[in-house]
Every structure is written in C-alpha cells, then in structure tokens.
C-alpha cells in the first residue's frame, strides 16, 4: 500500500514536469498556453518537485516572481507533507 502511494506521487510529479515542458513548447510555438494559475495549482497538489525540476530544466517561468517564490514553497510543502505523513505512520 505504501509503495503504491510513493509510485503515485512519483508518476504525478513526472506528469507535472512534462506539463511544464509542454507549456514551454507552447510558448515557443506561440500557441495557447496553460494558465499560470493552473501551473501553480499543480505544483501545490503534491507535485512541487516536478514543478521545480520542470522550471529548472526547461528554463520556464524562472523570471516570473510568482514562480520564483511559490514553486519553492510548493516544493517545501510537498516535503513537509510527506514527512508528516510518514511521522504519523511510524
């Protein structure tokens, strides 16, 4: 059961990572983009790691202050929530 949860979180982070890459590609192609609200919302839905890595690797949204502040907070939120969850299970 615990392994399924970790696999699910890992897959979800990979999906959000790819969504950040898709938005970067859409920006380069000058097509309709994914909203900033959606990207930030995804980061806070247990995918702070995927969003942070996506920002860094794709070099996407790195100059926007909202993302420079909120995505690291989403990362910390994910780390804290996972640690809290494991503390409760121990």
Protein backbone atom coordinates (compact mmCIF):
# COMPACT_ATOMS: atom_id res chain seq x y z
CA UNK A 1 0.00 0.00 0.00
CA UNK A 2 2.78 2.41 0.94
CA UNK A 3 4.72 1.65 -2.23
CA UNK A 4 1.64 2.39 -4.33
CA UNK A 5 1.37 5.82 -2.73
CA UNK A 6 5.04 6.61 -3.45
CA UNK A 7 4.73 5.37 -7.03
CA UNK A 8 1.62 7.51 -7.50
CA UNK A 9 3.36 10.62 -6.17
CA UNK A 10 6.35 9.91 -8.41
CA UNK A 11 4.19 9.46 -11.51
CA UNK A 12 2.22 12.61 -10.67
CA UNK A 13 5.45 14.61 -10.33
CA UNK A 14 6.62 13.30 -13.71
CA UNK A 15 3.32 14.34 -15.30
CA UNK A 16 3.57 17.87 -13.89
CA UNK A 17 7.21 18.04 -15.03
CA UNK A 18 6.02 17.20 -18.55
CA UNK A 19 3.21 19.76 -18.33
CA UNK A 20 5.79 22.47 -17.60
CA UNK A 21 7.72 21.27 -20.66
CA UNK A 22 4.55 21.32 -22.75
CA UNK A 23 3.83 24.91 -21.68
CA UNK A 24 7.37 25.91 -22.64
CA UNK A 25 6.92 24.26 -26.04
CA UNK A 26 3.57 26.03 -26.50
CA UNK A 27 5.28 29.34 -25.68
CA UNK A 28 7.97 28.72 -28.30
CA UNK A 29 5.31 27.77 -30.87
CA UNK A 30 3.29 30.90 -29.98
CA UNK A 31 0.20 28.80 -29.24
CA UNK A 32 -2.41 28.96 -26.49
CA UNK A 33 -0.69 28.41 -23.13
CA UNK A 34 -1.51 26.75 -19.84
CA UNK A 35 -2.53 29.40 -17.32
CA UNK A 36 -0.13 30.46 -14.59
CA UNK A 37 -2.83 29.64 -12.03
CA UNK A 38 -3.01 26.06 -13.31
CA UNK A 39 0.76 25.62 -13.23
CA UNK A 40 0.97 26.93 -9.66
CA UNK A 41 -2.07 24.89 -8.60
CA UNK A 42 -0.46 21.74 -9.98
CA UNK A 43 2.72 22.48 -8.03
CA UNK A 44 0.77 22.71 -4.77
CA UNK A 45 -1.09 19.47 -5.47
CA UNK A 46 1.78 17.28 -4.29
CA UNK A 47 4.00 17.92 -7.29
CA UNK A 48 6.36 20.64 -6.07
CA UNK A 49 9.33 18.50 -7.03
CA UNK A 50 8.12 18.02 -10.62
CA UNK A 51 7.31 21.72 -10.98
CA UNK A 52 10.66 22.84 -9.57
CA UNK A 53 12.63 20.45 -11.77
CA UNK A 54 10.48 21.43 -14.76
CA UNK A 55 11.17 25.10 -14.16
CA UNK A 56 14.91 24.48 -13.88
CA UNK A 57 15.34 22.01 -16.73
CA UNK A 58 13.04 23.69 -19.24
CA UNK A 59 14.15 27.16 -18.07
CA UNK A 60 10.49 28.05 -17.89
CA UNK A 61 8.91 30.80 -15.79
CA UNK A 62 12.21 31.39 -13.99
CA UNK A 63 11.98 35.18 -14.32
CA UNK A 64 8.42 35.48 -13.01
CA UNK A 65 8.42 36.44 -9.32
CA UNK A 66 5.29 34.38 -8.58
CA UNK A 67 7.03 31.24 -9.74
CA UNK A 68 10.38 32.08 -8.14
CA UNK A 69 8.62 32.35 -4.77
CA UNK A 70 5.66 29.97 -4.95
CA UNK A 71 7.23 26.93 -6.61
CA UNK A 72 9.95 26.53 -3.94
CA UNK A 73 7.21 26.92 -1.32
CA UNK A 74 5.22 24.18 -3.09
CA UNK A 75 8.35 22.02 -3.02
CA UNK A 76 8.74 22.59 0.73
CA UNK A 77 5.02 21.90 1.21
CA UNK A 78 5.41 18.54 -0.52
CA UNK A 79 8.47 17.61 1.53
CA UNK A 80 6.75 18.66 4.78
CA UNK A 81 3.51 16.84 3.94
CA UNK A 82 5.34 13.64 3.02
CA UNK A 83 7.43 13.82 6.19
CA UNK A 84 4.34 14.46 8.28
CA UNK A 85 2.55 11.54 6.67
CA UNK A 86 5.45 9.20 7.44
CA UNK A 87 5.71 10.50 11.01
CA UNK A 88 2.05 9.63 11.55
CA UNK A 89 2.55 6.13 10.14
CA UNK A 90 5.57 5.39 12.31
